[in-house]
């Protein structure tokens, strides 16, 4: 079964089938103006013809022909069309400009018998069909309807439909959001890699300071340095090492031998590397006559673990014997260095 629908944009009417309507929920595209519309919502209302009378048609047709063909066209009721729908082209009007109104031709029809009127009703289409405004716009040639059938719904231009426009906007928004999210992840991963790289470089170059202020991390730093071929060195901050007391005496039992005694104190709150001791002997003019640097292994007590460092708040007693043969010593200077 085919129905008639019309384009709301250009008012062109088409035949549509159930197969076309079922493909895309009734959406079709006008072959004239390419406007997309819902054919189900634009059906042209039609009415079935009035049921014919139960009286035999054969006996009434001659009477109808005799009664209806004799009068001219000006006797036709005003409610009926003046053309024959069976013709391919509209019939030329036979009415004169001075024709009387159709109401004056009504009496001849009234003289017809009830049988004649019944037959006439059965022959003529329903007034609802002939005077329907939408059907009046149909082309007289049925073949012209087929010339512009609705396009295949698979080629619909859905951009013209408001609902589809809204759906497209939603799809575009979601796609843009997904694209932005997809573009954001590489930047986030790159930033994370840069942060981790910067943190690793900082930990490498500041490993000694980290080991000082965060002693709990020192084992992990030492383990990492084993793979990186580096080492964790003890801090060398000489300002925290103080010579608490020092004294130099000549050895009376051995000529040319002098004994130095001193104390070193770590005032820092963390472990320091053991410093070197620099001893300078002077003459009576306070000019240096002998200078020597003592390393930790030379002034520390035997079996001292130098790698553990100078612990915070610890004090070290230093005792050294210096040979001064053929040198006249009047004084000395003692410094700590790294």
C-alpha atoms as a PDB file:
ATOM      1  CA  UNK A   1       0.000   0.000   0.000  1.00  0.00           C
ATOM      2  CA  UNK A   2       1.276   3.454  -0.899  1.00  0.00           C
ATOM      3  CA  UNK A   3       0.385   6.649   0.912  1.00  0.00           C
ATOM      4  CA  UNK A   4       0.608  10.254  -0.154  1.00  0.00           C
ATOM      5  CA  UNK A   5       2.820  12.659   1.726  1.00  0.00           C
ATOM      6  CA  UNK A   6       3.867  16.212   0.968  1.00  0.00           C
ATOM      7  CA  UNK A   7       7.019  18.220   1.553  1.00  0.00           C
ATOM      8  CA  UNK A   8       6.402  20.986   4.129  1.00  0.00           C
ATOM      9  CA  UNK A   9       9.042  23.133   2.433  1.00  0.00           C
ATOM     10  CA  UNK A  10       7.958  23.175  -1.218  1.00  0.00           C
ATOM     11  CA  UNK A  11       4.518  21.468  -0.856  1.00  0.00           C
ATOM     12  CA  UNK A  12       5.430  18.856  -3.487  1.00  0.00           C
ATOM     13  CA  UNK A  13       3.465  15.619  -2.979  1.00  0.00           C
ATOM     14  CA  UNK A  14       4.791  12.084  -3.379  1.00  0.00           C
ATOM     15  CA  UNK A  15       3.775   8.477  -3.121  1.00  0.00           C
ATOM     16  CA  UNK A  16       5.662   6.638  -0.362  1.00  0.00           C
ATOM     17  CA  UNK A  17       5.681   2.928   0.480  1.00  0.00           C
ATOM     18  CA  UNK A  18       5.930   1.143   3.791  1.00  0.00           C
ATOM     19  CA  UNK A  19       9.451  -0.056   2.939  1.00  0.00           C
ATOM     20  CA  UNK A  20      10.670   3.520   2.515  1.00  0.00           C
ATOM     21  CA  UNK A  21       9.058   4.605   5.763  1.00  0.00           C
ATOM     22  CA  UNK A  22      10.465   1.702   7.778  1.00  0.00           C
ATOM     23  CA  UNK A  23      14.121   2.268   6.845  1.00  0.00           C
ATOM     24  CA  UNK A  24      14.773   5.439   8.843  1.00  0.00           C
ATOM     25  CA  UNK A  25      11.756   5.845  11.043  1.00  0.00           C
ATOM     26  CA  UNK A  26       9.756   7.701   8.395  1.00  0.00           C
ATOM     27  CA  UNK A  27      12.464  10.214   7.406  1.00  0.00           C
ATOM     28  CA  UNK A  28      12.617  10.951   3.674  1.00  0.00           C
ATOM     29  CA  UNK A  29      14.210  13.633   1.523  1.00  0.00           C
ATOM     30  CA  UNK A  30      12.270  15.653  -0.990  1.00  0.00           C
ATOM     31  CA  UNK A  31      13.432  15.010  -4.541  1.00  0.00           C
ATOM     32  CA  UNK A  32      12.492  18.562  -5.501  1.00  0.00           C
ATOM     33  CA  UNK A  33      14.095  20.775  -2.825  1.00  0.00           C
ATOM     34  CA  UNK A  34      16.161  18.134  -0.941  1.00  0.00           C
ATOM     35  CA  UNK A  35      14.444  19.006   2.333  1.00  0.00           C
ATOM     36  CA  UNK A  36      14.400  16.184   4.885  1.00  0.00           C
ATOM     37  CA  UNK A  37      11.106  15.625   6.672  1.00  0.00           C
ATOM     38  CA  UNK A  38       9.097  12.953   8.454  1.00  0.00           C
ATOM     39  CA  UNK A  39       6.721  11.522   5.870  1.00  0.00           C
ATOM     40  CA  UNK A  40       4.485  10.061   8.557  1.00  0.00           C
ATOM     41  CA  UNK A  41       3.811  13.510   9.955  1.00  0.00           C
ATOM     42  CA  UNK A  42       3.027  14.969   6.511  1.00  0.00           C
ATOM     43  CA  UNK A  43       0.490  12.442   5.227  1.00  0.00           C
ATOM     44  CA  UNK A  44      -2.232  13.915   3.021  1.00  0.00           C
ATOM     45  CA  UNK A  45      -5.576  12.857   4.553  1.00  0.00           C
ATOM     46  CA  UNK A  46      -7.815  10.894   2.199  1.00  0.00           C
ATOM     47  CA  UNK A  47     -11.308   9.444   2.617  1.00  0.00           C
ATOM     48  CA  UNK A  48     -12.752   6.287   1.163  1.00  0.00           C
ATOM     49  CA  UNK A  49     -15.504   6.771  -1.450  1.00  0.00           C
ATOM     50  CA  UNK A  50     -19.079   6.646  -0.223  1.00  0.00           C
ATOM     51  CA  UNK A  51     -20.341   3.067  -0.360  1.00  0.00           C
ATOM     52  CA  UNK A  52     -22.511   2.442  -3.356  1.00  0.00           C
ATOM     53  CA  UNK A  53     -26.174   1.704  -2.986  1.00  0.00           C
ATOM     54  CA  UNK A  54     -27.282  -1.887  -2.799  1.00  0.00           C
ATOM     55  CA  UNK A  55     -29.492  -1.254  -5.800  1.00  0.00           C
ATOM     56  CA  UNK A  56     -28.264  -2.917  -8.980  1.00  0.00           C
ATOM     57  CA  UNK A  57     -26.018  -0.630 -10.952  1.00  0.00           C
ATOM     58  CA  UNK A  58     -26.933  -2.146 -14.269  1.00  0.00           C
ATOM     59  CA  UNK A  59     -30.522  -0.967 -14.111  1.00  0.00           C
ATOM     60  CA  UNK A  60     -29.648   2.557 -13.071  1.00  0.00           C
ATOM     61  CA  UNK A  61     -26.756   3.393 -15.373  1.00  0.00           C
ATOM     62  CA  UNK A  62     -28.893   4.089 -18.402  1.00  0.00           C
ATOM     63  CA  UNK A  63     -31.165   6.313 -16.392  1.00  0.00           C
ATOM     64  CA  UNK A  64     -28.266   8.230 -14.953  1.00  0.00           C
ATOM     65  CA  UNK A  65     -26.793   8.728 -18.377  1.00  0.00           C
ATOM     66  CA  UNK A  66     -30.078   9.954 -19.674  1.00  0.00           C
ATOM     67  CA  UNK A  67     -30.615  12.246 -16.748  1.00  0.00           C
ATOM     68  CA  UNK A  68     -27.131  13.585 -16.375  1.00  0.00           C
ATOM     69  CA  UNK A  69     -25.847  13.859 -19.910  1.00  0.00           C
ATOM     70  CA  UNK A  70     -28.776  15.864 -21.197  1.00  0.00           C
ATOM     71  CA  UNK A  71     -28.208  19.012 -19.128  1.00  0.00           C
ATOM     72  CA  UNK A  72     -25.197  21.166 -19.858  1.00  0.00           C
ATOM     73  CA  UNK A  73     -22.288  21.651 -17.475  1.00  0.00           C
ATOM     74  CA  UNK A  74     -23.921  24.652 -15.900  1.00  0.00           C
ATOM     75  CA  UNK A  75     -26.461  22.322 -14.327  1.00  0.00           C
ATOM     76  CA  UNK A  76     -23.836  20.493 -12.272  1.00  0.00           C
ATOM     77  CA  UNK A  77     -24.051  21.012  -8.497  1.00  0.00           C
ATOM     78  CA  UNK A  78     -21.657  23.551  -7.117  1.00  0.00           C
ATOM     79  CA  UNK A  79     -20.164  20.951  -4.766  1.00  0.00           C
ATOM     80  CA  UNK A  80     -18.932  18.707  -7.584  1.00  0.00           C
ATOM     81  CA  UNK A  81     -15.800  19.245  -9.721  1.00  0.00           C
ATOM     82  CA  UNK A  82     -16.238  20.482 -13.242  1.00  0.00           C
ATOM     83  CA  UNK A  83     -13.556  18.101 -14.676  1.00  0.00           C
ATOM     84  CA  UNK A  84     -13.389  14.411 -15.293  1.00  0.00           C
ATOM     85  CA  UNK A  85     -10.688  12.860 -13.122  1.00  0.00           C
ATOM     86  CA  UNK A  86     -10.235  10.051 -15.618  1.00  0.00           C
ATOM     87  CA  UNK A  87      -8.830  12.438 -18.217  1.00  0.00           C
ATOM     88  CA  UNK A  88      -5.078  12.946 -18.478  1.00  0.00           C
ATOM     89  CA  UNK A  89      -5.623  16.661 -19.191  1.00  0.00           C
ATOM     90  CA  UNK A  90      -8.300  18.916 -17.655  1.00  0.00           C
ATOM     91  CA  UNK A  91     -11.418  19.122 -19.820  1.00  0.00           C
ATOM     92  CA  UNK A  92     -12.197  22.507 -21.317  1.00  0.00           C
ATOM     93  CA  UNK A  93     -15.012  24.326 -19.594  1.00  0.00           C
ATOM     94  CA  UNK A  94     -18.271  24.613 -21.557  1.00  0.00           C
ATOM     95  CA  UNK A  95     -19.750  27.291 -19.344  1.00  0.00           C
ATOM     96  CA  UNK A  96     -20.373  30.739 -20.767  1.00  0.00           C
ATOM     97  CA  UNK A  97     -19.333  33.839 -18.821  1.00  0.00           C
ATOM     98  CA  UNK A  98     -23.012  34.631 -18.350  1.00  0.00           C
ATOM     99  CA  UNK A  99     -23.834  31.173 -16.986  1.00  0.00           C
ATOM    100  CA  UNK A 100     -26.365  31.105 -14.209  1.00  0.00           C
ATOM    101  CA  UNK A 101     -25.346  30.060 -10.716  1.00  0.00           C
ATOM    102  CA  UNK A 102     -25.301  26.381 -10.009  1.00  0.00           C
ATOM    103  CA  UNK A 103     -28.145  26.807  -7.514  1.00  0.00           C
ATOM    104  CA  UNK A 104     -30.558  27.484 -10.370  1.00  0.00           C
ATOM    105  CA  UNK A 105     -29.711  24.147 -11.939  1.00  0.00           C
ATOM    106  CA  UNK A 106     -30.631  22.269  -8.813  1.00  0.00           C
ATOM    107  CA  UNK A 107     -34.368  21.718  -9.661  1.00  0.00           C
ATOM    108  CA  UNK A 108     -33.619  19.372 -12.595  1.00  0.00           C
ATOM    109  CA  UNK A 109     -31.673  17.169 -10.281  1.00  0.00           C
ATOM    110  CA  UNK A 110     -34.495  17.188  -7.799  1.00  0.00           C
ATOM    111  CA  UNK A 111     -36.790  15.745 -10.448  1.00  0.00           C
ATOM    112  CA  UNK A 112     -34.574  12.699 -10.731  1.00  0.00           C
ATOM    113  CA  UNK A 113     -35.746   9.669  -8.926  1.00  0.00           C
ATOM    114  CA  UNK A 114     -34.196   8.366  -5.746  1.00  0.00           C
ATOM    115  CA  UNK A 115     -32.756   5.516  -7.741  1.00  0.00           C
ATOM    116  CA  UNK A 116     -31.037   7.951 -10.094  1.00  0.00           C
ATOM    117  CA  UNK A 117     -29.543   9.929  -7.196  1.00  0.00           C
ATOM    118  CA  UNK A 118     -28.305   6.727  -5.631  1.00  0.00           C
ATOM    119  CA  UNK A 119     -26.589   5.704  -8.833  1.00  0.00           C
ATOM    120  CA  UNK A 120     -25.118   9.158  -9.255  1.00  0.00           C
ATOM    121  CA  UNK A 121     -23.706   9.027  -5.762  1.00  0.00           C
ATOM    122  CA  UNK A 122     -22.107   5.685  -6.456  1.00  0.00           C
ATOM    123  CA  UNK A 123     -20.541   6.908  -9.688  1.00  0.00           C
ATOM    124  CA  UNK A 124     -19.147  10.219  -8.402  1.00  0.00           C
ATOM    125  CA  UNK A 125     -16.204  10.333  -5.933  1.00  0.00           C
ATOM    126  CA  UNK A 126     -16.732  11.538  -2.416  1.00  0.00           C
ATOM    127  CA  UNK A 127     -16.797  15.346  -2.041  1.00  0.00           C
ATOM    128  CA  UNK A 128     -14.260  14.994   0.751  1.00  0.00           C
ATOM    129  CA  UNK A 129     -11.769  13.591  -1.724  1.00  0.00           C
ATOM    130  CA  UNK A 130     -12.414  15.935  -4.629  1.00  0.00           C
ATOM    131  CA  UNK A 131     -12.280  19.094  -2.524  1.00  0.00           C
ATOM    132  CA  UNK A 132      -9.337  18.199  -0.339  1.00  0.00           C
ATOM    133  CA  UNK A 133      -6.922  21.104  -0.570  1.00  0.00           C
ATOM    134  CA  UNK A 134      -3.858  18.908  -0.473  1.00  0.00           C
ATOM    135  CA  UNK A 135      -5.041  16.546  -3.229  1.00  0.00           C
ATOM    136  CA  UNK A 136      -5.987  19.489  -5.450  1.00  0.00           C
ATOM    137  CA  UNK A 137      -2.297  20.249  -5.665  1.00  0.00           C
ATOM    138  CA  UNK A 138      -1.440  16.813  -7.063  1.00  0.00           C
ATOM    139  CA  UNK A 139      -0.353  16.787 -10.722  1.00  0.00           C
ATOM    140  CA  UNK A 140      -3.067  15.638 -13.148  1.00  0.00           C
ATOM    141  CA  UNK A 141      -0.661  13.169 -14.673  1.00  0.00           C
ATOM    142  CA  UNK A 142       0.037  10.365 -12.145  1.00  0.00           C
ATOM    143  CA  UNK A 143       3.323   9.657 -13.879  1.00  0.00           C
ATOM    144  CA  UNK A 144       4.619  13.072 -12.799  1.00  0.00           C
ATOM    145  CA  UNK A 145       4.460  11.902  -9.206  1.00  0.00           C
ATOM    146  CA  UNK A 146       6.840   9.083  -9.937  1.00  0.00           C
ATOM    147  CA  UNK A 147       9.285  11.452 -11.586  1.00  0.00           C
ATOM    148  CA  UNK A 148      10.299  12.862  -8.194  1.00  0.00           C
ATOM    149  CA  UNK A 149      10.130   9.981  -5.739  1.00  0.00           C
ATOM    150  CA  UNK A 150      11.623  10.442  -2.313  1.00  0.00           C
ATOM    151  CA  UNK A 151      15.311   9.769  -2.393  1.00  0.00           C
ATOM    152  CA  UNK A 152      16.779   6.725  -0.783  1.00  0.00           C
ATOM    153  CA  UNK A 153      16.798   7.208   2.949  1.00  0.00           C
ATOM    154  CA  UNK A 154      20.354   5.940   3.038  1.00  0.00           C
ATOM    155  CA  UNK A 155      21.377   9.239   1.348  1.00  0.00           C
ATOM    156  CA  UNK A 156      19.428  11.550   3.606  1.00  0.00           C
ATOM    157  CA  UNK A 157      20.913  14.909   4.283  1.00  0.00           C
ATOM    158  CA  UNK A 158      20.079  14.893   7.965  1.00  0.00           C
ATOM    159  CA  UNK A 159      21.760  18.242   8.540  1.00  0.00           C
ATOM    160  CA  UNK A 160      18.488  19.980   7.603  1.00  0.00           C
ATOM    161  CA  UNK A 161      16.509  18.246  10.335  1.00  0.00           C
ATOM    162  CA  UNK A 162      16.494  20.154  13.657  1.00  0.00           C
ATOM    163  CA  UNK A 163      16.611  16.982  15.752  1.00  0.00           C
ATOM    164  CA  UNK A 164      19.505  15.655  13.714  1.00  0.00           C
ATOM    165  CA  UNK A 165      21.249  19.019  13.951  1.00  0.00           C
ATOM    166  CA  UNK A 166      21.005  18.792  17.735  1.00  0.00           C
ATOM    167  CA  UNK A 167      22.283  15.211  17.704  1.00  0.00           C
ATOM    168  CA  UNK A 168      25.154  16.273  15.469  1.00  0.00           C
ATOM    169  CA  UNK A 169      26.054  19.071  17.879  1.00  0.00           C
ATOM    170  CA  UNK A 170      26.082  16.590  20.768  1.00  0.00           C
ATOM    171  CA  UNK A 171      28.240  14.196  18.772  1.00  0.00           C
ATOM    172  CA  UNK A 172      30.631  16.994  17.782  1.00  0.00           C
ATOM    173  CA  UNK A 173      30.873  18.143  21.416  1.00  0.00           C
ATOM    174  CA  UNK A 174      31.614  14.630  22.615  1.00  0.00           C
ATOM    175  CA  UNK A 175      34.134  14.095  19.826  1.00  0.00           C
ATOM    176  CA  UNK A 176      35.850  17.404  20.613  1.00  0.00           C
ATOM    177  CA  UNK A 177      35.940  16.485  24.305  1.00  0.00           C
ATOM    178  CA  UNK A 178      37.437  13.089  23.510  1.00  0.00           C
ATOM    179  CA  UNK A 179      39.966  14.648  21.152  1.00  0.00           C
ATOM    180  CA  UNK A 180      40.994  17.170  23.805  1.00  0.00           C
ATOM    181  CA  UNK A 181      41.316  14.370  26.355  1.00  0.00           C
ATOM    182  CA  UNK A 182      43.373  12.324  23.896  1.00  0.00           C
ATOM    183  CA  UNK A 183      45.624  15.310  23.202  1.00  0.00           C
ATOM    184  CA  UNK A 184      45.979  16.010  26.933  1.00  0.00           C
ATOM    185  CA  UNK A 185      47.332  12.575  27.873  1.00  0.00           C
ATOM    186  CA  UNK A 186      50.601  12.821  25.910  1.00  0.00           C
ATOM    187  CA  UNK A 187      51.300  16.208  27.478  1.00  0.00           C
ATOM    188  CA  UNK A 188      50.589  14.846  30.957  1.00  0.00           C
ATOM    189  CA  UNK A 189      52.819  11.848  30.368  1.00  0.00           C
ATOM    190  CA  UNK A 190      55.542  14.075  28.968  1.00  0.00           C
ATOM    191  CA  UNK A 191      55.285  16.422  31.947  1.00  0.00           C
ATOM    192  CA  UNK A 192      55.424  13.451  34.320  1.00  0.00           C
ATOM    193  CA  UNK A 193      58.536  12.128  32.596  1.00  0.00           C
ATOM    194  CA  UNK A 194      60.178  15.554  32.812  1.00  0.00           C
ATOM    195  CA  UNK A 195      59.338  15.865  36.506  1.00  0.00           C
ATOM    196  CA  UNK A 196      60.733  12.413  37.249  1.00  0.00           C
ATOM    197  CA  UNK A 197      63.857  13.162  35.223  1.00  0.00           C
ATOM    198  CA  UNK A 198      64.394  16.458  37.032  1.00  0.00           C
ATOM    199  CA  UNK A 199      63.869  14.740  40.387  1.00  0.00           C
ATOM    200  CA  UNK A 200      66.373  12.026  39.484  1.00  0.00           C
ATOM    201  CA  UNK A 201      68.962  14.577  38.367  1.00  0.00           C
ATOM    202  CA  UNK A 202      68.459  16.618  41.526  1.00  0.00           C
ATOM    203  CA  UNK A 203      68.816  13.514  43.669  1.00  0.00           C
ATOM    204  CA  UNK A 204      72.021  12.612  41.827  1.00  0.00           C
ATOM    205  CA  UNK A 205      73.730  15.977  42.185  1.00  0.00           C
ATOM    206  CA  UNK A 206      72.410  16.664  45.686  1.00  0.00           C
ATOM    207  CA  UNK A 207      72.881  13.151  47.000  1.00  0.00           C
ATOM    208  CA  UNK A 208      75.363  14.273  49.647  1.00  0.00           C
ATOM    209  CA  UNK A 209      73.065  16.948  51.020  1.00  0.00           C
ATOM    210  CA  UNK A 210      70.122  14.551  50.973  1.00  0.00           C
ATOM    211  CA  UNK A 211      72.137  12.032  52.935  1.00  0.00           C
ATOM    212  CA  UNK A 212      72.954  14.767  55.493  1.00  0.00           C
ATOM    213  CA  UNK A 213      69.484  16.133  56.130  1.00  0.00           C
ATOM    214  CA  UNK A 214      67.591  12.878  55.517  1.00  0.00           C
ATOM    215  CA  UNK A 215      69.780  10.154  57.040  1.00  0.00           C
ATOM    216  CA  UNK A 216      67.029   7.553  56.606  1.00  0.00           C
ATOM    217  CA  UNK A 217      67.420   7.828  52.843  1.00  0.00           C
ATOM    218  CA  UNK A 218      71.156   7.258  52.892  1.00  0.00           C
ATOM    219  CA  UNK A 219      70.961   3.441  52.480  1.00  0.00           C
ATOM    220  CA  UNK A 220      68.824   3.834  49.353  1.00  0.00           C
ATOM    221  CA  UNK A 221      71.208   6.458  47.998  1.00  0.00           C
ATOM    222  CA  UNK A 222      74.190   4.217  48.613  1.00  0.00           C
ATOM    223  CA  UNK A 223      72.439   1.338  46.852  1.00  0.00           C
ATOM    224  CA  UNK A 224      71.597   3.547  43.877  1.00  0.00           C
ATOM    225  CA  UNK A 225      75.172   4.794  43.656  1.00  0.00           C
ATOM    226  CA  UNK A 226      76.400   1.227  43.379  1.00  0.00           C
ATOM    227  CA  UNK A 227      74.575   0.974  40.037  1.00  0.00           C
ATOM    228  CA  UNK A 228      75.464   4.505  38.915  1.00  0.00           C
ATOM    229  CA  UNK A 229      79.144   4.185  39.858  1.00  0.00           C
ATOM    230  CA  UNK A 230      79.007   7.089  42.278  1.00  0.00           C
ATOM    231  CA  UNK A 231      79.515   7.508  46.003  1.00  0.00           C
ATOM    232  CA  UNK A 232      77.956   9.288  48.951  1.00  0.00           C
ATOM    233  CA  UNK A 233      80.552  11.583  50.439  1.00  0.00           C
ATOM    234  CA  UNK A 234      80.441  13.048  53.898  1.00  0.00           C
ATOM    235  CA  UNK A 235      79.943  16.809  54.050  1.00  0.00           C
ATOM    236  CA  UNK A 236      83.026  18.951  54.285  1.00  0.00           C
ATOM    237  CA  UNK A 237      81.938  22.097  56.062  1.00  0.00           C
ATOM    238  CA  UNK A 238      84.985  23.340  57.868  1.00  0.00           C
ATOM    239  CA  UNK A 239      83.096  26.101  59.676  1.00  0.00           C
ATOM    240  CA  UNK A 240      81.543  23.479  61.962  1.00  0.00           C
ATOM    241  CA  UNK A 241      84.903  22.042  63.130  1.00  0.00           C
ATOM    242  CA  UNK A 242      86.453  23.914  66.024  1.00  0.00           C
ATOM    243  CA  UNK A 243      89.913  23.559  67.561  1.00  0.00           C
ATOM    244  CA  UNK A 244      88.954  23.613  71.197  1.00  0.00           C
ATOM    245  CA  UNK A 245      92.445  23.625  72.709  1.00  0.00           C
ATOM    246  CA  UNK A 246      96.006  23.086  71.524  1.00  0.00           C
ATOM    247  CA  UNK A 247      99.472  23.027  73.043  1.00  0.00           C
ATOM    248  CA  UNK A 248     103.034  22.240  71.913  1.00  0.00           C
ATOM    249  CA  UNK A 249     105.826  21.085  74.242  1.00  0.00           C
ATOM    250  CA  UNK A 250     109.452  20.163  73.622  1.00  0.00           C
ATOM    251  CA  UNK A 251     110.433  16.578  74.447  1.00  0.00           C
ATOM    252  CA  UNK A 252     113.090  16.812  77.115  1.00  0.00           C
ATOM    253  CA  UNK A 253     114.142  13.203  76.695  1.00  0.00           C
ATOM    254  CA  UNK A 254     114.653  13.461  72.954  1.00  0.00           C
ATOM    255  CA  UNK A 255     116.409  16.361  71.336  1.00  0.00           C
ATOM    256  CA  UNK A 256     114.680  17.902  68.304  1.00  0.00           C
ATOM    257  CA  UNK A 257     111.297  16.353  69.113  1.00  0.00           C
ATOM    258  CA  UNK A 258     108.166  18.319  69.986  1.00  0.00           C
ATOM    259  CA  UNK A 259     104.722  17.059  71.086  1.00  0.00           C
ATOM    260  CA  UNK A 260     101.461  18.651  69.890  1.00  0.00           C
ATOM    261  CA  UNK A 261      98.231  18.056  71.758  1.00  0.00           C
ATOM    262  CA  UNK A 262      94.847  19.458  70.702  1.00  0.00           C
ATOM    263  CA  UNK A 263      91.085  18.796  70.683  1.00  0.00           C
ATOM    264  CA  UNK A 264      88.689  18.925  67.726  1.00  0.00           C
ATOM    265  CA  UNK A 265      84.977  19.436  68.261  1.00  0.00           C
ATOM    266  CA  UNK A 266      82.092  18.946  65.780  1.00  0.00           C
ATOM    267  CA  UNK A 267      79.525  21.675  66.365  1.00  0.00           C
ATOM    268  CA  UNK A 268      77.302  20.641  63.463  1.00  0.00           C
ATOM    269  CA  UNK A 269      74.125  18.706  63.945  1.00  0.00           C
ATOM    270  CA  UNK A 270      75.165  16.071  61.429  1.00  0.00           C
ATOM    271  CA  UNK A 271      78.121  13.886  60.565  1.00  0.00           C
ATOM    272  CA  UNK A 272      81.129  15.568  58.970  1.00  0.00           C
ATOM    273  CA  UNK A 273      84.133  14.245  57.180  1.00  0.00           C
ATOM    274  CA  UNK A 274      87.281  14.190  59.258  1.00  0.00           C
ATOM    275  CA  UNK A 275      89.372  17.260  58.436  1.00  0.00           C
ATOM    276  CA  UNK A 276      93.076  17.525  57.814  1.00  0.00           C
ATOM    277  CA  UNK A 277      95.351  19.277  60.296  1.00  0.00           C
ATOM    278  CA  UNK A 278      97.784  21.851  58.961  1.00  0.00           C
ATOM    279  CA  UNK A 279     100.683  22.628  61.339  1.00  0.00           C
ATOM    280  CA  UNK A 280     103.032  25.564  60.684  1.00  0.00           C
ATOM    281  CA  UNK A 281     106.136  26.140  62.848  1.00  0.00           C
ATOM    282  CA  UNK A 282     107.517  29.692  63.119  1.00  0.00           C
ATOM    283  CA  UNK A 283     110.738  31.295  64.335  1.00  0.00           C
ATOM    284  CA  UNK A 284     111.267  34.273  66.543  1.00  0.00           C
ATOM    285  CA  UNK A 285     110.271  36.600  63.701  1.00  0.00           C
ATOM    286  CA  UNK A 286     106.959  34.680  63.335  1.00  0.00           C
ATOM    287  CA  UNK A 287     108.107  33.509  59.948  1.00  0.00           C
ATOM    288  CA  UNK A 288     107.202  29.957  58.918  1.00  0.00           C
ATOM    289  CA  UNK A 289     110.158  27.602  59.051  1.00  0.00           C
ATOM    290  CA  UNK A 290     108.269  24.293  58.699  1.00  0.00           C
ATOM    291  CA  UNK A 291     104.774  23.352  57.416  1.00  0.00           C
ATOM    292  CA  UNK A 292     103.128  19.969  57.389  1.00  0.00           C
ATOM    293  CA  UNK A 293      99.595  18.594  56.765  1.00  0.00           C
ATOM    294  CA  UNK A 294      98.375  15.598  58.770  1.00  0.00           C
ATOM    295  CA  UNK A 295      95.636  13.402  57.328  1.00  0.00           C
ATOM    296  CA  UNK A 296      92.953  11.814  59.554  1.00  0.00           C
ATOM    297  CA  UNK A 297      94.707   8.442  59.474  1.00  0.00           C
ATOM    298  CA  UNK A 298      97.820  10.096  60.979  1.00  0.00           C
ATOM    299  CA  UNK A 299      96.267  11.872  63.947  1.00  0.00           C
ATOM    300  CA  UNK A 300      93.291   9.606  64.775  1.00  0.00           C
ATOM    301  CA  UNK A 301      93.623   6.688  67.165  1.00  0.00           C
ATOM    302  CA  UNK A 302      94.278   3.308  65.569  1.00  0.00           C
ATOM    303  CA  UNK A 303      91.262   1.211  64.376  1.00  0.00           C
ATOM    304  CA  UNK A 304      89.151   4.344  63.851  1.00  0.00           C
ATOM    305  CA  UNK A 305      86.544   3.935  61.048  1.00  0.00           C
ATOM    306  CA  UNK A 306      87.201   7.045  59.012  1.00  0.00           C
ATOM    307  CA  UNK A 307      84.335   6.303  56.593  1.00  0.00           C
ATOM    308  CA  UNK A 308      81.728   6.732  59.324  1.00  0.00           C
ATOM    309  CA  UNK A 309      82.763  10.371  59.725  1.00  0.00           C
ATOM    310  CA  UNK A 310      83.012  12.853  62.528  1.00  0.00           C
ATOM    311  CA  UNK A 311      79.769  12.429  64.423  1.00  0.00           C
ATOM    312  CA  UNK A 312      77.790  15.433  65.574  1.00  0.00           C
ATOM    313  CA  UNK A 313      78.782  16.833  68.970  1.00  0.00           C
ATOM    314  CA  UNK A 314      81.778  14.541  69.243  1.00  0.00           C
ATOM    315  CA  UNK A 315      85.236  15.594  70.472  1.00  0.00           C
ATOM    316  CA  UNK A 316      88.535  14.127  69.321  1.00  0.00           C
ATOM    317  CA  UNK A 317      91.816  14.251  71.233  1.00  0.00           C
ATOM    318  CA  UNK A 318      94.837  14.752  69.004  1.00  0.00           C
ATOM    319  CA  UNK A 319      98.427  13.975  70.009  1.00  0.00           C
ATOM    320  CA  UNK A 320     101.308  14.273  67.552  1.00  0.00           C
ATOM    321  CA  UNK A 321     105.111  14.044  67.773  1.00  0.00           C
ATOM    322  CA  UNK A 322     107.048  16.340  65.419  1.00  0.00           C
ATOM    323  CA  UNK A 323     110.762  16.160  64.643  1.00  0.00           C
ATOM    324  CA  UNK A 324     112.437  19.590  64.376  1.00  0.00           C
ATOM    325  CA  UNK A 325     116.131  18.835  63.850  1.00  0.00           C
ATOM    326  CA  UNK A 326     118.310  21.812  62.966  1.00  0.00           C
ATOM    327  CA  UNK A 327     115.288  24.130  63.115  1.00  0.00           C
ATOM    328  CA  UNK A 328     114.843  26.816  65.716  1.00  0.00           C
ATOM    329  CA  UNK A 329     111.137  26.882  66.642  1.00  0.00           C
ATOM    330  CA  UNK A 330     109.655  29.731  68.600  1.00  0.00           C
ATOM    331  CA  UNK A 331     105.914  29.217  67.875  1.00  0.00           C
ATOM    332  CA  UNK A 332     103.304  27.404  65.750  1.00  0.00           C
ATOM    333  CA  UNK A 333      99.986  27.749  63.964  1.00  0.00           C
ATOM    334  CA  UNK A 334      97.359  24.993  63.732  1.00  0.00           C
ATOM    335  CA  UNK A 335      94.517  24.922  61.202  1.00  0.00           C
ATOM    336  CA  UNK A 336      91.876  22.467  60.075  1.00  0.00           C
ATOM    337  CA  UNK A 337      91.351  22.075  56.322  1.00  0.00           C
ATOM    338  CA  UNK A 338      89.761  19.771  53.770  1.00  0.00           C
END
